[in-house]
Amino acid sequence: MRFQFDQLSEGQRYHLITQTVTPRPIAWILTKNDNATFNLAPFSYFAPLSSDPALFVVSVGNKTHEIAKDTKQNLLREKECVLHIPSGDLVNAVNDSAASLAYGESELSGSALTLEAFTKTLPRIKQAKVAFHCRLFDSHSLGDKGFDALYLEVIDVFIDDDLVTENDRRTVIDNKKLNPLSRLGGNHYALLGETVTIKRPN
């Protein structure tokens, strides 16, 4: 079956992309609101771009045609965030943080999540095993529907000690212990599951 994207609505394109480009890693982003509370939201239009400079890209849309999502507002103003890689045991907290709230109303309020000191201005989610401190590197508007590609440069990263081993001067992260949560289409999430190890050819 073929689908011509120029003949589809934005929603139809979204559903085809999110049900086929799977699983997608989740960027669970904490930013500071202008009332000194913290915003927390998940994004699965997210990927690493390069190692030098160390860059991620996250696509963030708008709440409405004229009102940007809180994460976008905060990142463009504060120029920094903490980007977590959530584990499978945090699926309910991640899903809850996707709720649409009024600006300044924190997703952390009433949740079981706790904050841990991390940077001079931003905490991290204590329950998350990986947290990147990032600064806004650049941004690009994508079309006229309010989506922006936000490029985030990694300043440093917290990784839970239980995940880290040193092997022949190389840092190895235990993905099974991390068990990263990923996004599928609709209301579906995925866990790491079975992995396959194959040595790359020379």
N, C-alpha and C. Protein backbone atom coordinates (compact mmCIF):
# COMPACT_ATOMS: atom_id res chain seq x y z
N MET A 1 0.85 -1.19 0.00
CA MET A 1 0.00 0.00 0.00
C MET A 1 0.88 1.24 0.00
N ARG A 2 0.58 2.19 -0.87
CA ARG A 2 1.36 3.42 -0.97
C ARG A 2 0.53 4.58 -0.43
N PHE A 3 1.22 5.51 0.26
CA PHE A 3 0.58 6.70 0.78
C PHE A 3 1.34 7.92 0.25
N GLN A 4 0.66 8.81 -0.46
CA GLN A 4 1.26 10.03 -0.96
C GLN A 4 1.12 11.11 0.10
N PHE A 5 2.26 11.53 0.67
CA PHE A 5 2.21 12.45 1.81
C PHE A 5 1.63 13.81 1.44
N ASP A 6 1.75 14.21 0.19
CA ASP A 6 1.19 15.51 -0.19
C ASP A 6 -0.34 15.46 -0.30
N GLN A 7 -0.90 14.26 -0.15
CA GLN A 7 -2.36 14.12 -0.19
C GLN A 7 -2.94 13.78 1.18
N LEU A 8 -2.09 13.81 2.21
CA LEU A 8 -2.51 13.45 3.56
C LEU A 8 -2.54 14.67 4.45
N SER A 9 -3.38 14.62 5.48
CA SER A 9 -3.41 15.68 6.49
C SER A 9 -2.21 15.53 7.41
N GLU A 10 -1.95 16.57 8.20
CA GLU A 10 -0.86 16.49 9.17
C GLU A 10 -1.07 15.32 10.13
N GLY A 11 -2.31 15.13 10.59
CA GLY A 11 -2.61 14.03 11.51
C GLY A 11 -2.38 12.68 10.89
N GLN A 12 -2.76 12.50 9.63
CA GLN A 12 -2.54 11.23 8.95
C GLN A 12 -1.05 10.94 8.79
N ARG A 13 -0.28 11.97 8.45
CA ARG A 13 1.18 11.79 8.35
C ARG A 13 1.76 11.39 9.69
N TYR A 14 1.31 12.10 10.74
CA TYR A 14 1.81 11.82 12.10
C TYR A 14 1.58 10.36 12.47
N HIS A 15 0.37 9.86 12.23
CA HIS A 15 0.06 8.48 12.63
C HIS A 15 0.87 7.46 11.82
N LEU A 16 1.11 7.73 10.55
CA LEU A 16 1.93 6.81 9.76
C LEU A 16 3.38 6.81 10.24
N ILE A 17 3.92 8.01 10.52
CA ILE A 17 5.31 8.10 10.97
C ILE A 17 5.48 7.45 12.33
N THR A 18 4.61 7.77 13.28
CA THR A 18 4.81 7.28 14.66
C THR A 18 4.53 5.79 14.81
N GLN A 19 3.82 5.20 13.84
CA GLN A 19 3.58 3.76 13.92
C GLN A 19 4.59 2.93 13.13
N THR A 20 5.45 3.61 12.36
CA THR A 20 6.46 2.88 11.58
C THR A 20 7.88 3.19 12.03
N VAL A 21 8.17 4.41 12.42
CA VAL A 21 9.51 4.76 12.92
C VAL A 21 9.50 4.43 14.41
N THR A 22 9.73 3.16 14.69
CA THR A 22 9.64 2.64 16.06
C THR A 22 10.76 1.63 16.32
N PRO A 23 11.16 1.46 17.56
CA PRO A 23 10.79 2.29 18.70
C PRO A 23 11.59 3.59 18.68
N ARG A 24 11.01 4.64 19.27
CA ARG A 24 11.68 5.93 19.32
C ARG A 24 12.11 6.22 20.75
N PRO A 25 13.38 6.64 20.96
CA PRO A 25 13.80 7.00 22.32
C PRO A 25 13.02 8.21 22.81
N ILE A 26 12.91 8.33 24.10
CA ILE A 26 12.16 9.42 24.71
C ILE A 26 13.10 10.39 25.40
N ALA A 27 12.98 11.66 25.04
CA ALA A 27 13.69 12.72 25.75
C ALA A 27 12.71 13.28 26.79
N TRP A 28 13.00 13.05 28.05
CA TRP A 28 12.13 13.52 29.14
C TRP A 28 12.78 14.80 29.67
N ILE A 29 12.23 15.94 29.26
CA ILE A 29 12.94 17.22 29.40
C ILE A 29 12.38 18.05 30.54
N LEU A 30 13.29 18.46 31.42
CA LEU A 30 12.95 19.35 32.53
C LEU A 30 13.50 20.74 32.22
N THR A 31 12.62 21.75 32.32
CA THR A 31 13.01 23.14 32.12
C THR A 31 12.42 23.98 33.25
N LYS A 32 12.91 25.21 33.34
CA LYS A 32 12.43 26.12 34.38
C LYS A 32 11.36 27.05 33.80
N ASN A 33 10.20 27.10 34.49
CA ASN A 33 9.16 28.05 34.13
C ASN A 33 9.54 29.45 34.61
N ASP A 34 8.87 30.46 34.10
CA ASP A 34 9.23 31.82 34.52
C ASP A 34 8.73 32.19 35.91
N ASN A 35 7.98 31.26 36.56
CA ASN A 35 7.57 31.48 37.95
C ASN A 35 8.40 30.64 38.92
N ALA A 36 9.55 30.13 38.42
CA ALA A 36 10.53 29.36 39.21
C ALA A 36 10.08 27.94 39.52
N THR A 37 8.94 27.49 38.99
CA THR A 37 8.59 26.08 39.06
C THR A 37 9.27 25.37 37.90
N PHE A 38 9.11 24.05 37.83
CA PHE A 38 9.76 23.28 36.77
C PHE A 38 8.74 22.56 35.92
N ASN A 39 9.00 22.57 34.62
CA ASN A 39 8.17 21.85 33.66
C ASN A 39 8.86 20.54 33.30
N LEU A 40 8.08 19.48 33.13
CA LEU A 40 8.63 18.19 32.76
C LEU A 40 7.74 17.59 31.68
N ALA A 41 8.33 17.23 30.53
CA ALA A 41 7.53 16.71 29.42
C ALA A 41 8.34 15.74 28.57
N PRO A 42 7.68 14.70 28.02
CA PRO A 42 8.36 13.73 27.16
C PRO A 42 8.21 14.07 25.68
N PHE A 43 9.26 13.78 24.91
CA PHE A 43 9.26 14.01 23.47
C PHE A 43 9.92 12.82 22.78
N SER A 44 9.25 12.29 21.74
CA SER A 44 9.83 11.15 21.04
C SER A 44 10.25 11.49 19.61
N TYR A 45 10.05 12.74 19.18
CA TYR A 45 10.71 13.20 17.96
C TYR A 45 12.07 13.73 18.42
N PHE A 46 12.97 12.79 18.67
CA PHE A 46 14.23 13.07 19.39
C PHE A 46 15.32 12.14 18.88
N ALA A 47 16.54 12.68 18.69
CA ALA A 47 17.65 11.85 18.23
C ALA A 47 18.98 12.52 18.53
N PRO A 48 20.05 11.71 18.69
CA PRO A 48 21.40 12.27 18.73
C PRO A 48 21.82 12.64 17.31
N LEU A 49 22.59 13.73 17.20
CA LEU A 49 23.03 14.19 15.88
C LEU A 49 24.52 14.03 15.65
N SER A 50 25.33 14.36 16.66
CA SER A 50 26.77 14.27 16.49
C SER A 50 27.44 14.17 17.86
N SER A 51 28.72 13.77 17.84
CA SER A 51 29.48 13.66 19.08
C SER A 51 30.44 14.82 19.28
N ASP A 52 30.76 15.54 18.20
CA ASP A 52 31.68 16.68 18.31
C ASP A 52 31.26 17.76 17.32
N PRO A 53 30.43 18.71 17.74
CA PRO A 53 29.93 18.89 19.10
C PRO A 53 28.89 17.82 19.46
N ALA A 54 28.73 17.60 20.76
CA ALA A 54 27.77 16.61 21.24
C ALA A 54 26.38 17.23 21.17
N LEU A 55 25.59 16.83 20.16
CA LEU A 55 24.31 17.46 19.91
C LEU A 55 23.17 16.45 19.85
N PHE A 56 22.03 16.85 20.42
CA PHE A 56 20.76 16.18 20.23
C PHE A 56 19.86 17.13 19.44
N VAL A 57 18.81 16.57 18.85
CA VAL A 57 17.75 17.41 18.27
C VAL A 57 16.42 16.90 18.79
N VAL A 58 15.56 17.85 19.16
CA VAL A 58 14.21 17.53 19.62
C VAL A 58 13.25 18.42 18.85
N SER A 59 12.20 17.81 18.29
CA SER A 59 11.18 18.58 17.60
C SER A 59 10.05 18.87 18.59
N VAL A 60 9.75 20.16 18.76
CA VAL A 60 8.72 20.57 19.72
C VAL A 60 7.71 21.46 19.01
N GLY A 61 6.44 21.14 19.18
CA GLY A 61 5.38 21.89 18.53
C GLY A 61 4.78 22.94 19.44
N ASN A 62 3.56 23.33 19.09
CA ASN A 62 2.82 24.33 19.85
C ASN A 62 1.60 23.70 20.52
N LYS A 63 1.12 24.33 21.58
CA LYS A 63 -0.15 23.93 22.19
C LYS A 63 -1.31 24.30 21.27
N THR A 64 -1.25 25.52 20.77
CA THR A 64 -2.20 26.01 19.77
C THR A 64 -1.39 26.69 18.68
N HIS A 65 -2.08 27.23 17.68
CA HIS A 65 -1.36 27.86 16.57
C HIS A 65 -0.47 29.00 17.07
N GLU A 66 -0.89 29.68 18.13
CA GLU A 66 -0.17 30.86 18.59
C GLU A 66 0.59 30.67 19.89
N ILE A 67 0.34 29.57 20.60
CA ILE A 67 0.96 29.37 21.92
C ILE A 67 1.92 28.19 21.87
N ALA A 68 3.20 28.46 22.12
CA ALA A 68 4.22 27.41 22.10
C ALA A 68 4.07 26.50 23.31
N LYS A 69 4.49 25.25 23.15
CA LYS A 69 4.53 24.35 24.30
C LYS A 69 5.48 24.92 25.36
N ASP A 70 5.20 24.57 26.62
CA ASP A 70 5.97 25.13 27.73
C ASP A 70 7.46 24.86 27.58
N THR A 71 7.81 23.65 27.17
CA THR A 71 9.23 23.29 27.02
C THR A 71 9.92 24.22 26.03
N LYS A 72 9.25 24.51 24.92
CA LYS A 72 9.84 25.39 23.91
C LYS A 72 10.00 26.81 24.46
N GLN A 73 8.95 27.33 25.10
CA GLN A 73 9.03 28.66 25.69
C GLN A 73 10.21 28.75 26.65
N ASN A 74 10.32 27.75 27.52
CA ASN A 74 11.36 27.79 28.55
C ASN A 74 12.76 27.65 27.97
N LEU A 75 12.91 26.75 26.99
CA LEU A 75 14.23 26.55 26.38
C LEU A 75 14.69 27.78 25.63
N LEU A 76 13.79 28.40 24.89
CA LEU A 76 14.18 29.60 24.14
C LEU A 76 14.52 30.76 25.07
N ARG A 77 13.92 30.79 26.26
CA ARG A 77 14.19 31.86 27.21
C ARG A 77 15.41 31.55 28.08
N GLU A 78 15.45 30.36 28.67
CA GLU A 78 16.50 30.02 29.64
C GLU A 78 17.76 29.45 28.99
N LYS A 79 17.62 28.90 27.78
CA LYS A 79 18.75 28.37 27.01
C LYS A 79 19.36 27.10 27.60
N GLU A 80 18.66 26.41 28.49
CA GLU A 80 19.20 25.17 29.05
C GLU A 80 18.06 24.26 29.51
N CYS A 81 18.41 22.97 29.67
CA CYS A 81 17.44 21.99 30.15
C CYS A 81 18.19 20.80 30.73
N VAL A 82 17.46 19.91 31.37
CA VAL A 82 17.98 18.61 31.76
C VAL A 82 17.17 17.57 31.01
N LEU A 83 17.85 16.79 30.19
CA LEU A 83 17.20 15.79 29.35
C LEU A 83 17.47 14.41 29.94
N HIS A 84 16.41 13.75 30.39
CA HIS A 84 16.52 12.42 31.01
C HIS A 84 16.20 11.33 29.99
N ILE A 85 16.82 10.18 30.17
CA ILE A 85 16.45 8.97 29.44
C ILE A 85 15.70 8.09 30.44
N PRO A 86 14.37 8.00 30.34
CA PRO A 86 13.61 7.26 31.35
C PRO A 86 13.69 5.75 31.17
N SER A 87 13.69 5.05 32.29
CA SER A 87 13.66 3.59 32.29
C SER A 87 12.21 3.10 32.29
N GLY A 88 12.06 1.83 32.03
CA GLY A 88 10.72 1.26 31.92
C GLY A 88 9.87 1.40 33.16
N ASP A 89 10.51 1.39 34.33
CA ASP A 89 9.73 1.49 35.56
C ASP A 89 9.13 2.89 35.75
N LEU A 90 9.49 3.83 34.89
CA LEU A 90 8.96 5.19 34.99
C LEU A 90 7.85 5.46 33.96
N VAL A 91 7.35 4.41 33.32
CA VAL A 91 6.38 4.60 32.24
C VAL A 91 5.16 5.40 32.68
N ASN A 92 4.63 5.14 33.86
CA ASN A 92 3.44 5.87 34.30
C ASN A 92 3.75 7.34 34.55
N ALA A 93 4.91 7.61 35.15
CA ALA A 93 5.30 8.99 35.40
C ALA A 93 5.54 9.74 34.10
N VAL A 94 6.17 9.07 33.12
CA VAL A 94 6.40 9.69 31.82
C VAL A 94 5.06 10.00 31.15
N ASN A 95 4.16 9.02 31.15
CA ASN A 95 2.86 9.22 30.52
C ASN A 95 2.08 10.34 31.21
N ASP A 96 2.11 10.37 32.54
CA ASP A 96 1.40 11.43 33.27
C ASP A 96 1.95 12.81 32.93
N SER A 97 3.25 12.90 32.69
CA SER A 97 3.87 14.21 32.42
C SER A 97 3.54 14.74 31.04
N ALA A 98 2.86 13.92 30.22
CA ALA A 98 2.45 14.37 28.89
C ALA A 98 1.13 15.14 28.92
N ALA A 99 0.51 15.24 30.09
CA ALA A 99 -0.78 15.94 30.21
C ALA A 99 -0.62 17.42 29.88
N SER A 100 -1.65 17.99 29.27
CA SER A 100 -1.64 19.42 28.96
C SER A 100 -2.05 20.22 30.18
N LEU A 101 -1.14 21.03 30.69
CA LEU A 101 -1.41 21.86 31.86
C LEU A 101 -1.24 23.33 31.49
N ALA A 102 -1.81 24.19 32.30
CA ALA A 102 -1.61 25.62 32.10
C ALA A 102 -0.15 25.96 32.34
N TYR A 103 0.35 26.98 31.61
CA TYR A 103 1.75 27.36 31.78
C TYR A 103 2.03 27.72 33.25
N GLY A 104 3.15 27.20 33.77
CA GLY A 104 3.54 27.48 35.15
C GLY A 104 3.05 26.44 36.13
N GLU A 105 2.09 25.61 35.70
CA GLU A 105 1.62 24.52 36.56
C GLU A 105 2.55 23.33 36.35
N SER A 106 3.22 22.89 37.39
CA SER A 106 4.27 21.89 37.25
C SER A 106 3.72 20.47 37.22
N GLU A 107 4.23 19.66 36.30
CA GLU A 107 3.90 18.24 36.24
C GLU A 107 4.42 17.49 37.45
N LEU A 108 5.37 18.10 38.16
CA LEU A 108 5.94 17.44 39.34
C LEU A 108 5.05 17.57 40.56
N SER A 109 4.15 18.53 40.53
CA SER A 109 3.26 18.75 41.67
C SER A 109 2.32 17.56 41.82
N GLY A 110 2.35 16.95 42.99
CA GLY A 110 1.49 15.81 43.25
C GLY A 110 2.01 14.49 42.73
N SER A 111 3.15 14.50 42.03
CA SER A 111 3.71 13.24 41.53
C SER A 111 4.62 12.62 42.59
N ALA A 112 4.99 11.37 42.37
CA ALA A 112 5.90 10.68 43.29
C ALA A 112 7.36 10.93 42.95
N LEU A 113 7.61 11.74 41.94
CA LEU A 113 8.98 12.03 41.53
C LEU A 113 9.64 12.99 42.50
N THR A 114 10.94 12.84 42.67
CA THR A 114 11.69 13.74 43.54
C THR A 114 12.82 14.37 42.74
N LEU A 115 13.22 15.56 43.19
CA LEU A 115 14.27 16.31 42.51
C LEU A 115 15.58 16.20 43.27
N GLU A 116 16.67 16.14 42.52
CA GLU A 116 18.02 16.04 43.07
C GLU A 116 18.83 17.20 42.51
N ALA A 117 19.63 17.85 43.34
CA ALA A 117 20.48 18.95 42.87
C ALA A 117 21.37 18.45 41.73
N PHE A 118 21.50 19.28 40.69
CA PHE A 118 22.28 18.85 39.52
C PHE A 118 23.14 19.97 38.97
N THR A 119 22.53 21.03 38.43
CA THR A 119 23.28 22.16 37.92
C THR A 119 23.05 23.35 38.86
N LYS A 120 23.65 24.47 38.52
CA LYS A 120 23.46 25.68 39.34
C LYS A 120 22.01 26.13 39.34
N THR A 121 21.31 25.86 38.26
CA THR A 121 19.95 26.39 38.12
C THR A 121 18.87 25.33 37.95
N LEU A 122 19.26 24.10 37.63
CA LEU A 122 18.27 23.06 37.36
C LEU A 122 18.56 21.78 38.14
N PRO A 123 17.52 21.14 38.68
CA PRO A 123 17.69 19.83 39.30
C PRO A 123 17.51 18.74 38.24
N ARG A 124 17.69 17.51 38.64
CA ARG A 124 17.35 16.37 37.80
C ARG A 124 16.32 15.52 38.54
N ILE A 125 15.67 14.63 37.79
CA ILE A 125 14.74 13.68 38.39
C ILE A 125 15.56 12.56 39.04
N LYS A 126 15.43 12.42 40.33
CA LYS A 126 16.24 11.45 41.06
C LYS A 126 16.01 10.03 40.58
N GLN A 127 14.80 9.70 40.20
CA GLN A 127 14.48 8.33 39.80
C GLN A 127 15.00 7.96 38.42
N ALA A 128 15.41 8.95 37.62
CA ALA A 128 15.93 8.67 36.28
C ALA A 128 17.41 8.32 36.37
N LYS A 129 17.81 7.28 35.66
CA LYS A 129 19.19 6.77 35.76
C LYS A 129 20.17 7.50 34.84
N VAL A 130 19.65 8.28 33.89
CA VAL A 130 20.51 9.06 32.98
C VAL A 130 19.92 10.46 32.85
N ALA A 131 20.77 11.46 33.03
CA ALA A 131 20.32 12.86 32.91
C ALA A 131 21.42 13.69 32.27
N PHE A 132 21.12 14.31 31.14
CA PHE A 132 22.06 15.18 30.42
C PHE A 132 21.75 16.64 30.73
N HIS A 133 22.77 17.39 31.12
CA HIS A 133 22.62 18.84 31.21
C HIS A 133 22.93 19.40 29.83
N CYS A 134 21.97 20.09 29.23
CA CYS A 134 22.14 20.59 27.86
C CYS A 134 21.88 22.09 27.80
N ARG A 135 22.54 22.74 26.84
CA ARG A 135 22.24 24.13 26.56
C ARG A 135 21.74 24.23 25.12
N LEU A 136 20.91 25.22 24.88
CA LEU A 136 20.37 25.42 23.54
C LEU A 136 21.50 25.86 22.60
N PHE A 137 21.72 25.09 21.57
CA PHE A 137 22.79 25.35 20.60
C PHE A 137 22.25 26.15 19.41
N ASP A 138 21.05 25.79 18.97
CA ASP A 138 20.45 26.46 17.82
C ASP A 138 18.99 26.02 17.74
N SER A 139 18.21 26.72 16.92
CA SER A 139 16.83 26.32 16.68
C SER A 139 16.45 26.69 15.27
N HIS A 140 15.59 25.87 14.68
CA HIS A 140 15.10 26.13 13.32
C HIS A 140 13.61 25.89 13.26
N SER A 141 12.90 26.83 12.67
CA SER A 141 11.47 26.67 12.46
C SER A 141 11.23 25.66 11.34
N LEU A 142 10.26 24.77 11.55
CA LEU A 142 9.94 23.74 10.56
C LEU A 142 8.56 24.02 9.97
N GLY A 143 8.52 24.63 8.82
CA GLY A 143 7.24 24.91 8.19
C GLY A 143 6.46 25.99 8.91
N ASP A 144 5.14 26.00 8.70
CA ASP A 144 4.30 27.05 9.26
C ASP A 144 3.28 26.52 10.27
N LYS A 145 3.52 25.31 10.81
CA LYS A 145 2.59 24.70 11.76
C LYS A 145 3.05 24.84 13.21
N GLY A 146 4.14 25.58 13.45
CA GLY A 146 4.58 25.81 14.82
C GLY A 146 5.60 24.83 15.36
N PHE A 147 6.12 23.94 14.51
CA PHE A 147 7.14 23.02 14.98
C PHE A 147 8.53 23.65 14.85
N ASP A 148 9.37 23.38 15.84
CA ASP A 148 10.74 23.86 15.83
C ASP A 148 11.69 22.72 16.13
N ALA A 149 12.79 22.66 15.42
CA ALA A 149 13.88 21.75 15.75
C ALA A 149 14.80 22.47 16.72
N LEU A 150 14.88 21.95 17.94
CA LEU A 150 15.74 22.54 18.97
C LEU A 150 16.98 21.69 19.12
N TYR A 151 18.13 22.30 18.84
CA TYR A 151 19.41 21.59 18.91
C TYR A 151 20.01 21.82 20.29
N LEU A 152 20.31 20.74 20.99
CA LEU A 152 20.78 20.80 22.37
C LEU A 152 22.20 20.27 22.46
N GLU A 153 23.09 21.08 23.01
CA GLU A 153 24.48 20.66 23.19
C GLU A 153 24.66 20.12 24.61
N VAL A 154 25.25 18.94 24.71
CA VAL A 154 25.45 18.29 26.01
C VAL A 154 26.62 18.94 26.73
N ILE A 155 26.39 19.38 27.96
CA ILE A 155 27.45 19.94 28.79
C ILE A 155 28.07 18.85 29.66
N ASP A 156 27.21 18.08 30.32
CA ASP A 156 27.69 16.91 31.08
C ASP A 156 26.53 15.97 31.29
N VAL A 157 26.81 14.79 31.80
CA VAL A 157 25.78 13.77 31.97
C VAL A 157 25.96 13.05 33.30
N PHE A 158 24.85 12.81 33.98
CA PHE A 158 24.82 11.93 35.15
C PHE A 158 24.37 10.56 34.68
N ILE A 159 25.11 9.52 35.08
CA ILE A 159 24.73 8.13 34.81
C ILE A 159 24.82 7.36 36.12
N ASP A 160 23.75 6.70 36.47
CA ASP A 160 23.72 5.93 37.72
C ASP A 160 24.91 4.97 37.77
N ASP A 161 25.60 4.95 38.92
CA ASP A 161 26.80 4.11 39.07
C ASP A 161 26.53 2.64 38.76
N ASP A 162 25.30 2.19 39.02
CA ASP A 162 24.96 0.79 38.81
C ASP A 162 25.00 0.39 37.34
N LEU A 163 24.96 1.38 36.45
CA LEU A 163 24.95 1.10 35.01
C LEU A 163 26.35 1.09 34.41
N VAL A 164 27.35 1.59 35.14
CA VAL A 164 28.65 1.91 34.54
C VAL A 164 29.72 0.91 34.96
N THR A 165 30.46 0.43 33.96
CA THR A 165 31.69 -0.33 34.21
C THR A 165 32.78 0.21 33.27
N GLU A 166 34.01 0.04 33.69
CA GLU A 166 35.14 0.42 32.84
C GLU A 166 35.78 -0.85 32.30
N ASN A 167 35.87 -0.95 30.97
CA ASN A 167 36.40 -2.13 30.32
C ASN A 167 37.49 -1.72 29.35
N ASP A 168 38.74 -2.01 29.73
CA ASP A 168 39.89 -1.69 28.87
C ASP A 168 39.88 -0.21 28.48
N ARG A 169 39.72 0.64 29.52
CA ARG A 169 39.73 2.10 29.38
C ARG A 169 38.54 2.64 28.58
N ARG A 170 37.51 1.80 28.42
CA ARG A 170 36.30 2.24 27.73
C ARG A 170 35.12 2.13 28.70
N THR A 171 34.31 3.19 28.75
CA THR A 171 33.14 3.18 29.62
C THR A 171 32.02 2.39 28.95
N VAL A 172 31.48 1.42 29.69
CA VAL A 172 30.40 0.57 29.16
C VAL A 172 29.15 0.80 29.99
N ILE A 173 28.03 1.09 29.32
CA ILE A 173 26.75 1.30 29.98
C ILE A 173 25.91 0.05 29.80
N ASP A 174 25.35 -0.46 30.89
CA ASP A 174 24.54 -1.67 30.87
C ASP A 174 23.12 -1.30 30.44
N ASN A 175 22.81 -1.54 29.17
CA ASN A 175 21.49 -1.18 28.65
C ASN A 175 20.37 -2.00 29.27
N LYS A 176 20.69 -3.24 29.65
CA LYS A 176 19.64 -4.07 30.26
C LYS A 176 19.23 -3.50 31.60
N LYS A 177 20.19 -3.00 32.36
CA LYS A 177 19.86 -2.37 33.65
C LYS A 177 19.16 -1.03 33.44
N LEU A 178 19.55 -0.30 32.41
CA LEU A 178 18.88 0.95 32.11
C LEU A 178 17.45 0.69 31.64
N ASN A 179 17.27 -0.34 30.81
CA ASN A 179 15.95 -0.72 30.28
C ASN A 179 15.20 0.51 29.78
N PRO A 180 15.76 1.21 28.78
CA PRO A 180 15.17 2.48 28.35
C PRO A 180 13.77 2.31 27.80
N LEU A 181 12.92 3.23 28.19
CA LEU A 181 11.55 3.26 27.70
C LEU A 181 11.55 3.88 26.32
N SER A 182 10.75 3.34 25.42
CA SER A 182 10.66 3.93 24.08
C SER A 182 9.21 4.03 23.65
N ARG A 183 9.00 4.80 22.61
CA ARG A 183 7.64 5.13 22.17
C ARG A 183 7.31 4.40 20.89
N LEU A 184 6.09 3.90 20.83
CA LEU A 184 5.53 3.32 19.62
C LEU A 184 4.39 4.24 19.15
N GLY A 185 3.53 3.76 18.29
CA GLY A 185 2.39 4.55 17.86
C GLY A 185 1.26 4.51 18.87
N GLY A 186 0.29 5.42 18.72
CA GLY A 186 -0.87 5.44 19.59
C GLY A 186 -0.49 5.60 21.05
N ASN A 187 -1.08 4.77 21.91
CA ASN A 187 -0.82 4.81 23.35
C ASN A 187 0.23 3.79 23.78
N HIS A 188 1.00 3.28 22.84
CA HIS A 188 1.88 2.16 23.12
C HIS A 188 3.32 2.60 23.41
N TYR A 189 3.92 1.92 24.37
CA TYR A 189 5.33 2.08 24.72
C TYR A 189 6.02 0.72 24.57
N ALA A 190 7.34 0.74 24.52
CA ALA A 190 8.10 -0.51 24.43
C ALA A 190 9.28 -0.46 25.40
N LEU A 191 9.70 -1.66 25.80
CA LEU A 191 10.90 -1.81 26.64
C LEU A 191 11.99 -2.46 25.81
N LEU A 192 13.16 -2.61 26.40
CA LEU A 192 14.32 -3.05 25.62
C LEU A 192 14.12 -4.44 25.02
N GLY A 193 13.66 -5.39 25.81
CA GLY A 193 13.44 -6.74 25.30
C GLY A 193 14.72 -7.43 24.88
N GLU A 194 14.61 -8.34 23.91
CA GLU A 194 15.75 -9.12 23.45
C GLU A 194 16.72 -8.24 22.67
N THR A 195 18.01 -8.46 22.88
CA THR A 195 19.04 -7.76 22.10
C THR A 195 19.86 -8.77 21.31
N VAL A 196 20.44 -8.32 20.23
CA VAL A 196 21.27 -9.15 19.36
C VAL A 196 22.65 -8.51 19.26
N THR A 197 23.70 -9.28 19.47
CA THR A 197 25.07 -8.78 19.39
C THR A 197 25.78 -9.40 18.19
N ILE A 198 26.22 -8.57 17.26
CA ILE A 198 26.93 -9.02 16.06
C ILE A 198 28.15 -8.13 15.86
N LYS A 199 29.31 -8.73 15.70
CA LYS A 199 30.52 -7.94 15.49
C LYS A 199 30.48 -7.30 14.11
N ARG A 200 30.82 -5.99 14.07
CA ARG A 200 30.83 -5.28 12.80
C ARG A 200 31.98 -5.76 11.92
N PRO A 201 31.78 -5.78 10.61
CA PRO A 201 32.88 -6.18 9.71
C PRO A 201 33.94 -5.07 9.69
N ASN A 202 35.16 -5.45 9.31
CA ASN A 202 36.25 -4.49 9.22
C ASN A 202 36.03 -3.53 8.06
